[in-house]
């Protein structure tokens, strides 16, 4: 096993206190948004043998196992994170595998990888799962158009009426496409006025409008505020999770969670950001399906493992809640693992893990854990 030394990313939306509190360190006053655990080239974890990316590259089959290499290639297929949102993230979607291959077109056209207008950083999809460690607020998927029409109508803002009419006049998927397109292509000055009026009404009325008032406070005049009003607001309790497949619009608003995703950095933004928004490409990627966001709760197995079941093979997330005096658990697998402690003290092999500490376990490596606390286990399906 390798103890991991992980990078914390200081994105502007990050909480200044959540990750330091978990780690038992002093806040710096700067946002600490995400702690990355994995071999992503943007911030690979460090081990006593070099970065985790270097460790895997040196002997992929030994570190990952033959089955993982055969299915996903010679790379760690997932990226695990602690995510601490102190302000809303950008409203965004991720492509599926076929759509992400537009990366190859941008390569052919010579668009630099770090260009602000480049959409794709790699040719991989980015399904993801977030599991709440605290109360966790987010937006996920489109609300039914008729319900959104009633919600917007209740604000009493005259400039929202065209969107209300569109939502009521078309079939569900067409209505959502029409309204999102209208929002993202509207005259900027007119949109800014509409957002300002809408934000004031949300603030005045509160209740179900409160999350959107808070979003508008962070992003005044941003058309993403209206786009956000098309989406379901979800509040997760600790231990609950959301799975986000390709094309599902979403944004995390507030809270601390464990996030896992396929090892990709492909994001298309819809708003709530000063970054580039490619409207035609976004509309190609978004799935205009309305429905319940589907909160996940773990399924317990007889050995105490609680699994968050998803349709994605690149990652499998589970947790162990270890009571005082519990037996030792053998977590040995023929696949790579990252073990993350989020509460208490857990011993993994020779390593004692306090909250926020993690280890990488190579395929077939003996992995016995004991102690009192909560341990998340990230691996793959083969």
Protein backbone atom coordinates (compact mmCIF):
# COMPACT_ATOMS: atom_id res chain seq x y z
CA UNK A 1 0.00 0.00 0.00
CA UNK A 2 1.08 3.57 -0.64
CA UNK A 3 0.04 6.45 1.61
CA UNK A 4 -1.12 9.29 -0.63
CA UNK A 5 -0.09 12.92 -0.37
CA UNK A 6 -2.83 14.79 -2.23
CA UNK A 7 -3.15 18.21 -3.83
CA UNK A 8 -5.92 20.60 -2.76
CA UNK A 9 -7.21 22.78 -5.60
CA UNK A 10 -8.02 26.41 -4.62
CA UNK A 11 -10.93 27.10 -6.99
CA UNK A 12 -12.81 30.30 -6.17
CA UNK A 13 -16.07 28.50 -5.30
CA UNK A 14 -14.41 26.37 -2.63
CA UNK A 15 -15.19 26.49 1.08
CA UNK A 16 -12.47 28.06 3.22
CA UNK A 17 -13.17 25.75 6.17
CA UNK A 18 -14.72 22.38 5.20
CA UNK A 19 -11.59 20.51 4.06
CA UNK A 20 -9.35 21.98 6.79
CA UNK A 21 -11.95 20.99 9.41
CA UNK A 22 -12.02 17.41 8.10
CA UNK A 23 -8.21 17.24 7.98
CA UNK A 24 -7.81 18.87 11.39
CA UNK A 25 -5.65 21.67 9.96
CA UNK A 26 -5.84 25.44 10.28
CA UNK A 27 -7.75 27.25 7.50
CA UNK A 28 -5.55 29.49 5.38
CA UNK A 29 -8.32 31.95 4.57
CA UNK A 30 -8.16 30.87 0.92
CA UNK A 31 -10.78 28.62 -0.71
CA UNK A 32 -9.98 24.90 -0.63
CA UNK A 33 -12.33 23.38 -3.18
CA UNK A 34 -11.18 19.89 -4.14
CA UNK A 35 -8.63 17.37 -2.90
CA UNK A 36 -7.65 15.03 -5.73
CA UNK A 37 -6.76 11.36 -5.14
CA UNK A 38 -5.57 9.51 -8.20
CA UNK A 39 -3.25 9.66 -11.20
CA UNK A 40 -4.84 12.49 -13.20
CA UNK A 41 -2.00 14.45 -14.88
CA UNK A 42 -3.47 17.72 -13.59
CA UNK A 43 -2.62 16.87 -9.96
CA UNK A 44 -1.47 13.27 -9.42
CA UNK A 45 -1.21 12.03 -5.85
CA UNK A 46 2.30 11.62 -4.51
CA UNK A 47 3.67 8.42 -2.94
CA UNK A 48 7.02 7.27 -1.56
CA UNK A 49 7.68 5.81 -5.02
CA UNK A 50 6.97 8.98 -7.01
CA UNK A 51 3.64 10.33 -8.25
CA UNK A 52 0.86 7.78 -8.58
CA UNK A 53 0.89 8.41 -12.33
CA UNK A 54 4.59 7.45 -12.43
CA UNK A 55 3.97 4.39 -10.28
CA UNK A 56 1.20 3.15 -12.59
CA UNK A 57 3.18 3.96 -15.77
CA UNK A 58 6.17 1.94 -14.50
CA UNK A 59 4.19 -1.32 -14.27
CA UNK A 60 0.49 -0.97 -15.18
CA UNK A 61 -0.37 -4.65 -14.94
CA UNK A 62 1.19 -5.03 -11.49
CA UNK A 63 -0.44 -1.90 -10.07
CA UNK A 64 -3.84 -2.12 -11.81
CA UNK A 65 -4.26 -5.85 -12.47
CA UNK A 66 -4.54 -7.61 -15.82
CA UNK A 67 -8.33 -7.33 -16.01
CA UNK A 68 -8.36 -3.55 -15.47
CA UNK A 69 -5.60 -3.00 -18.04
CA UNK A 70 -7.42 -5.20 -20.57
CA UNK A 71 -10.67 -3.27 -20.13
CA UNK A 72 -9.54 0.33 -19.57
CA UNK A 73 -5.93 0.46 -20.75
CA UNK A 74 -2.75 1.13 -18.75
CA UNK A 75 -4.13 3.97 -16.62
CA UNK A 76 -6.08 4.35 -13.38
CA UNK A 77 -9.66 4.66 -14.72
CA UNK A 78 -11.08 6.85 -11.95
CA UNK A 79 -10.38 10.03 -10.00
CA UNK A 80 -11.52 10.33 -6.36
CA UNK A 81 -12.04 13.71 -4.71
CA UNK A 82 -13.10 15.48 -1.60
CA UNK A 83 -15.30 18.33 -2.87
CA UNK A 84 -16.11 21.33 -0.65
CA UNK A 85 -18.49 23.85 -2.21
CA UNK A 86 -18.82 27.18 -0.44
CA UNK A 87 -20.49 28.80 -3.46
CA UNK A 88 -22.25 27.42 -6.56
CA UNK A 89 -20.13 25.71 -9.19
CA UNK A 90 -20.77 26.44 -12.85
CA UNK A 91 -23.89 24.91 -14.39
CA UNK A 92 -22.47 22.15 -16.58
CA UNK A 93 -22.81 18.91 -18.51
CA UNK A 94 -20.38 16.17 -19.54
CA UNK A 95 -20.22 14.31 -22.87
CA UNK A 96 -20.58 10.61 -23.51
CA UNK A 97 -17.70 8.66 -25.08
CA UNK A 98 -18.73 9.27 -28.69
CA UNK A 99 -19.30 12.99 -28.10
CA UNK A 100 -15.97 13.39 -26.31
CA UNK A 101 -14.18 12.30 -29.44
CA UNK A 102 -14.77 15.83 -30.70
CA UNK A 103 -11.47 16.27 -28.82
CA UNK A 104 -9.83 14.72 -31.87
CA UNK A 105 -11.40 17.37 -34.13
CA UNK A 106 -10.07 20.16 -31.93
CA UNK A 107 -6.64 18.49 -32.05
CA UNK A 108 -6.76 18.39 -35.87
CA UNK A 109 -7.71 22.08 -35.97
CA UNK A 110 -4.77 22.90 -33.71
CA UNK A 111 -6.78 24.32 -30.81
CA UNK A 112 -4.32 24.50 -27.89
CA UNK A 113 -5.17 22.27 -24.93
CA UNK A 114 -5.18 25.27 -22.59
CA UNK A 115 -7.15 27.57 -24.92
CA UNK A 116 -10.09 29.14 -23.03
CA UNK A 117 -12.49 28.32 -25.89
CA UNK A 118 -11.48 24.65 -26.12
CA UNK A 119 -14.34 22.34 -25.08
CA UNK A 120 -12.59 18.97 -24.67
CA UNK A 121 -9.39 18.18 -22.79
CA UNK A 122 -9.39 14.45 -23.63
CA UNK A 123 -11.37 11.80 -25.54
CA UNK A 124 -13.06 10.30 -22.48
CA UNK A 125 -16.50 10.59 -20.91
CA UNK A 126 -16.97 11.86 -17.35
CA UNK A 127 -19.81 10.16 -15.48
CA UNK A 128 -19.62 11.05 -11.80
CA UNK A 129 -21.05 10.26 -8.39
CA UNK A 130 -21.10 12.57 -5.36
CA UNK A 131 -21.81 11.26 -1.85
CA UNK A 132 -22.65 13.79 0.87
CA UNK A 133 -20.57 13.99 4.04
CA UNK A 134 -22.61 16.98 5.27
CA UNK A 135 -25.94 18.42 4.15
CA UNK A 136 -25.25 18.96 0.46
CA UNK A 137 -27.23 21.13 -1.98
CA UNK A 138 -27.20 20.74 -5.74
CA UNK A 139 -29.13 21.05 -8.96
CA UNK A 140 -29.62 17.91 -11.04
CA UNK A 141 -31.62 17.31 -14.22
CA UNK A 142 -34.60 19.12 -15.67
CA UNK A 143 -37.81 19.56 -13.71
CA UNK A 144 -41.02 18.73 -15.60
CA UNK A 145 -41.80 21.71 -17.90
CA UNK A 146 -45.33 22.19 -16.51
CA UNK A 147 -43.94 22.42 -12.96
CA UNK A 148 -41.26 24.88 -14.06
CA UNK A 149 -43.89 26.98 -15.86
CA UNK A 150 -45.85 27.23 -12.61
CA UNK A 151 -42.68 28.06 -10.66
CA UNK A 152 -41.71 30.87 -13.06
CA UNK A 153 -45.27 32.17 -13.27
CA UNK A 154 -45.37 32.42 -9.49
CA UNK A 155 -42.54 34.95 -9.53
CA UNK A 156 -44.73 37.59 -11.17
CA UNK A 157 -41.94 38.80 -13.47
CA UNK A 158 -43.38 39.98 -16.80
CA UNK A 159 -40.24 39.27 -18.81
CA UNK A 160 -40.44 35.57 -17.84
CA UNK A 161 -43.82 35.13 -19.57
CA UNK A 162 -42.34 34.12 -22.98
CA UNK A 163 -40.49 31.26 -21.25
CA UNK A 164 -43.63 30.24 -19.37
CA UNK A 165 -45.56 30.16 -22.65
CA UNK A 166 -42.88 28.05 -24.36
CA UNK A 167 -42.86 25.56 -21.51
CA UNK A 168 -46.60 25.11 -21.79
CA UNK A 169 -46.90 25.11 -25.59
CA UNK A 170 -44.50 22.34 -26.65
CA UNK A 171 -43.89 18.65 -25.94
CA UNK A 172 -41.57 18.11 -22.99
CA UNK A 173 -38.16 17.72 -24.68
CA UNK A 174 -38.90 20.39 -27.30
CA UNK A 175 -40.05 22.82 -24.62
CA UNK A 176 -36.87 22.41 -22.59
CA UNK A 177 -34.66 22.79 -25.66
CA UNK A 178 -36.57 25.90 -26.83
CA UNK A 179 -36.35 27.60 -23.44
CA UNK A 180 -32.69 26.81 -22.76
CA UNK A 181 -31.79 27.99 -26.27
CA UNK A 182 -33.78 31.22 -25.78
CA UNK A 183 -32.06 31.89 -22.45
CA UNK A 184 -28.54 31.32 -23.74
CA UNK A 185 -29.00 33.34 -26.95
CA UNK A 186 -30.94 36.30 -25.53
CA UNK A 187 -29.67 39.87 -25.77
CA UNK A 188 -27.20 40.24 -22.87
CA UNK A 189 -28.58 43.56 -21.62
CA UNK A 190 -32.18 42.35 -21.68
CA UNK A 191 -31.17 39.09 -20.02
CA UNK A 192 -29.30 40.93 -17.28
CA UNK A 193 -32.43 42.97 -16.49
CA UNK A 194 -34.60 39.85 -16.45
CA UNK A 195 -32.17 38.04 -14.14
CA UNK A 196 -32.06 41.03 -11.78
CA UNK A 197 -35.86 41.18 -11.58
CA UNK A 198 -36.09 37.41 -11.17
CA UNK A 199 -33.46 37.41 -8.41
CA UNK A 200 -35.33 40.10 -6.50
CA UNK A 201 -38.57 38.12 -6.74
CA UNK A 202 -36.84 34.90 -5.61
CA UNK A 203 -35.34 36.74 -2.67
CA UNK A 204 -38.70 38.27 -1.71
CA UNK A 205 -40.69 35.05 -1.95
CA UNK A 206 -38.13 32.64 -0.41
CA UNK A 207 -39.30 29.04 0.13
CA UNK A 208 -38.65 26.97 -3.02
CA UNK A 209 -37.07 30.04 -4.65
CA UNK A 210 -34.40 30.48 -1.95
CA UNK A 211 -31.69 28.33 -3.60
CA UNK A 212 -32.05 30.33 -6.83
CA UNK A 213 -31.89 33.64 -4.93
CA UNK A 214 -28.60 32.45 -3.42
CA UNK A 215 -27.27 31.51 -6.87
CA UNK A 216 -28.19 34.96 -8.21
CA UNK A 217 -26.37 36.58 -5.29
CA UNK A 218 -23.14 34.89 -6.42
CA UNK A 219 -23.73 35.43 -10.17
CA UNK A 220 -25.69 38.69 -10.64
CA UNK A 221 -27.06 39.11 -14.15
CA UNK A 222 -25.81 35.70 -15.33
CA UNK A 223 -28.22 33.90 -17.72
CA UNK A 224 -27.29 30.72 -15.86
CA UNK A 225 -29.60 31.89 -13.06
CA UNK A 226 -32.60 31.38 -15.36
CA UNK A 227 -31.15 28.12 -16.68
CA UNK A 228 -30.82 26.96 -13.07
CA UNK A 229 -34.53 27.56 -12.52
CA UNK A 230 -35.23 24.80 -15.07
CA UNK A 231 -33.49 22.23 -12.86
CA UNK A 232 -34.43 20.18 -9.81
CA UNK A 233 -33.05 21.40 -6.51
CA UNK A 234 -31.79 18.48 -4.39
CA UNK A 235 -30.66 18.44 -0.75
CA UNK A 236 -28.68 15.34 0.18
CA UNK A 237 -28.38 14.14 3.74
CA UNK A 238 -25.03 12.64 4.83
CA UNK A 239 -24.61 9.24 3.19
CA UNK A 240 -26.94 10.01 0.26
CA UNK A 241 -25.57 10.38 -3.25
CA UNK A 242 -26.30 11.60 -6.77
CA UNK A 243 -25.19 9.88 -9.97
CA UNK A 244 -24.68 12.15 -13.00
CA UNK A 245 -24.51 10.51 -16.40
CA UNK A 246 -23.67 12.09 -19.74
CA UNK A 247 -25.71 15.10 -20.80
CA UNK A 248 -27.38 15.72 -17.43
CA UNK A 249 -27.18 19.42 -16.50
CA UNK A 250 -26.10 19.95 -12.91
CA UNK A 251 -24.38 22.23 -10.43
CA UNK A 252 -23.23 21.71 -6.85
CA UNK A 253 -24.23 24.59 -4.58
CA UNK A 254 -22.99 23.99 -1.05
CA UNK A 255 -21.60 21.22 1.15
CA UNK A 256 -18.83 18.66 1.58
CA UNK A 257 -18.84 15.35 -0.25
CA UNK A 258 -16.81 12.48 -1.67
CA UNK A 259 -16.85 12.59 -5.47
CA UNK A 260 -15.70 9.94 -7.92
CA UNK A 261 -15.61 10.13 -11.70
CA UNK A 262 -14.09 8.61 -14.79
CA UNK A 263 -10.59 10.00 -15.25
CA UNK A 264 -11.52 12.94 -17.48
CA UNK A 265 -11.67 16.74 -17.37
CA UNK A 266 -14.35 17.31 -20.02
CA UNK A 267 -16.87 20.00 -19.05
CA UNK A 268 -19.31 22.07 -21.12
CA UNK A 269 -20.73 25.02 -19.22
CA UNK A 270 -24.24 26.45 -19.41
CA UNK A 271 -23.73 29.46 -17.12
CA UNK A 272 -22.84 30.62 -13.61
CA UNK A 273 -19.32 31.20 -14.84
CA UNK A 274 -17.12 33.81 -16.53
CA UNK A 275 -15.66 30.98 -18.66
CA UNK A 276 -16.45 30.14 -22.27
CA UNK A 277 -19.97 28.88 -23.09
CA UNK A 278 -20.21 27.18 -26.49
CA UNK A 279 -23.98 27.26 -27.01
CA UNK A 280 -24.23 25.08 -30.18
CA UNK A 281 -21.96 22.38 -28.73
CA UNK A 282 -23.74 22.54 -25.38
CA UNK A 283 -27.14 22.03 -27.04
CA UNK A 284 -25.69 19.01 -28.89
CA UNK A 285 -24.61 17.43 -25.59
CA UNK A 286 -27.51 18.21 -23.23
CA UNK A 287 -30.17 15.53 -22.73
CA UNK A 288 -33.53 17.25 -22.59
CA UNK A 289 -35.19 14.64 -20.40
CA UNK A 290 -37.20 15.74 -17.37
CA UNK A 291 -37.65 13.68 -14.23
CA UNK A 292 -36.73 12.99 -10.65
CA UNK A 293 -32.97 13.28 -10.01
CA UNK A 294 -32.90 9.91 -8.23
CA UNK A 295 -31.16 10.16 -4.87
CA UNK A 296 -28.99 7.07 -4.23
CA UNK A 297 -28.67 5.32 -0.90
CA UNK A 298 -26.09 2.59 -0.36
CA UNK A 299 -27.00 -1.07 -0.58
CA UNK A 300 -25.56 -3.06 2.34
CA UNK A 301 -23.93 -6.44 1.83
CA UNK A 302 -23.46 -9.12 4.54
CA UNK A 303 -19.78 -8.27 5.03
CA UNK A 304 -20.61 -4.67 5.95
CA UNK A 305 -19.74 -3.06 2.61
CA UNK A 306 -22.31 -0.42 1.53
CA UNK A 307 -22.27 0.00 -2.26
CA UNK A 308 -23.45 2.98 -4.32
CA UNK A 309 -24.68 1.18 -7.43
CA UNK A 310 -24.22 2.96 -10.79
CA UNK A 311 -24.12 1.83 -14.44
CA UNK A 312 -20.50 2.96 -14.85
CA UNK A 313 -17.61 0.47 -15.00
CA UNK A 314 -14.73 2.94 -14.59
CA UNK A 315 -15.55 3.36 -10.91
CA UNK A 316 -17.27 1.61 -8.04
CA UNK A 317 -17.71 3.52 -4.77
CA UNK A 318 -18.61 1.94 -1.45
CA UNK A 319 -18.12 2.63 2.25
CA UNK A 320 -17.57 0.79 5.49
CA UNK A 321 -18.93 2.22 8.72
CA UNK A 322 -16.82 0.47 11.36
CA UNK A 323 -18.24 0.48 14.92
CA UNK A 324 -16.04 0.18 17.97
CA UNK A 325 -14.81 -3.38 18.41
CA UNK A 326 -15.65 -4.43 14.84
CA UNK A 327 -13.74 -7.28 13.23
CA UNK A 328 -10.94 -6.84 10.71
CA UNK A 329 -12.16 -6.67 7.11
CA UNK A 330 -10.17 -8.14 4.24
CA UNK A 331 -10.60 -5.77 1.27
CA UNK A 332 -8.11 -7.49 -1.06
CA UNK A 333 -9.18 -7.25 -4.74
CA UNK A 334 -7.69 -8.09 -8.16
CA UNK A 335 -8.28 -4.43 -9.11
CA UNK A 336 -6.70 -1.12 -7.95
CA UNK A 337 -8.21 0.63 -4.93
CA UNK A 338 -8.03 3.95 -3.13
CA UNK A 339 -9.17 3.86 0.51
CA UNK A 340 -10.21 7.17 2.11
CA UNK A 341 -11.02 7.71 5.78
CA UNK A 342 -13.67 10.39 6.46
CA UNK A 343 -14.35 9.85 10.18
CA UNK A 344 -12.66 8.24 13.18
CA UNK A 345 -9.39 6.34 12.85
CA UNK A 346 -9.00 3.38 10.49
CA UNK A 347 -5.95 1.15 10.10
CA UNK A 348 -5.28 -0.01 6.55
CA UNK A 349 -2.38 -2.45 6.51
CA UNK A 350 0.46 -0.66 8.26
CA UNK A 351 -1.07 2.80 7.75
CA UNK A 352 -3.22 4.58 10.33
CA UNK A 353 -5.70 6.83 8.57
CA UNK A 354 -7.24 9.90 10.18
CA UNK A 355 -10.06 11.81 8.41
CA UNK A 356 -9.04 12.99 4.96
CA UNK A 357 -6.12 10.55 4.71
CA UNK A 358 -5.93 7.91 2.00
CA UNK A 359 -3.91 5.03 0.56
CA UNK A 360 -3.52 3.43 -2.85
CA UNK A 361 -3.79 -0.37 -2.85
CA UNK A 362 -2.33 -2.12 -5.94
CA UNK A 363 -4.26 -5.02 -7.46
CA UNK A 364 -3.99 -8.25 -5.42
CA UNK A 365 -2.22 -6.41 -2.58
CA UNK A 366 -3.33 -7.64 0.86
CA UNK A 367 -5.73 -5.02 2.25
CA UNK A 368 -6.91 -5.58 5.81
CA UNK A 369 -8.71 -2.72 7.57
CA UNK A 370 -9.81 -2.27 11.16
CA UNK A 371 -10.61 0.47 13.64
CA UNK A 372 -13.53 2.74 14.41
CA UNK A 373 -14.71 5.15 11.73
CA UNK A 374 -15.88 5.53 8.13
CA UNK A 375 -13.85 4.32 5.16
CA UNK A 376 -14.69 4.92 1.49
CA UNK A 377 -13.43 2.42 -1.05
CA UNK A 378 -12.93 3.35 -4.71
CA UNK A 379 -12.20 0.71 -7.34
CA UNK A 380 -13.40 -0.43 -10.80
CA UNK A 381 -15.77 -3.01 -12.26
CA UNK A 382 -14.15 -5.57 -14.58
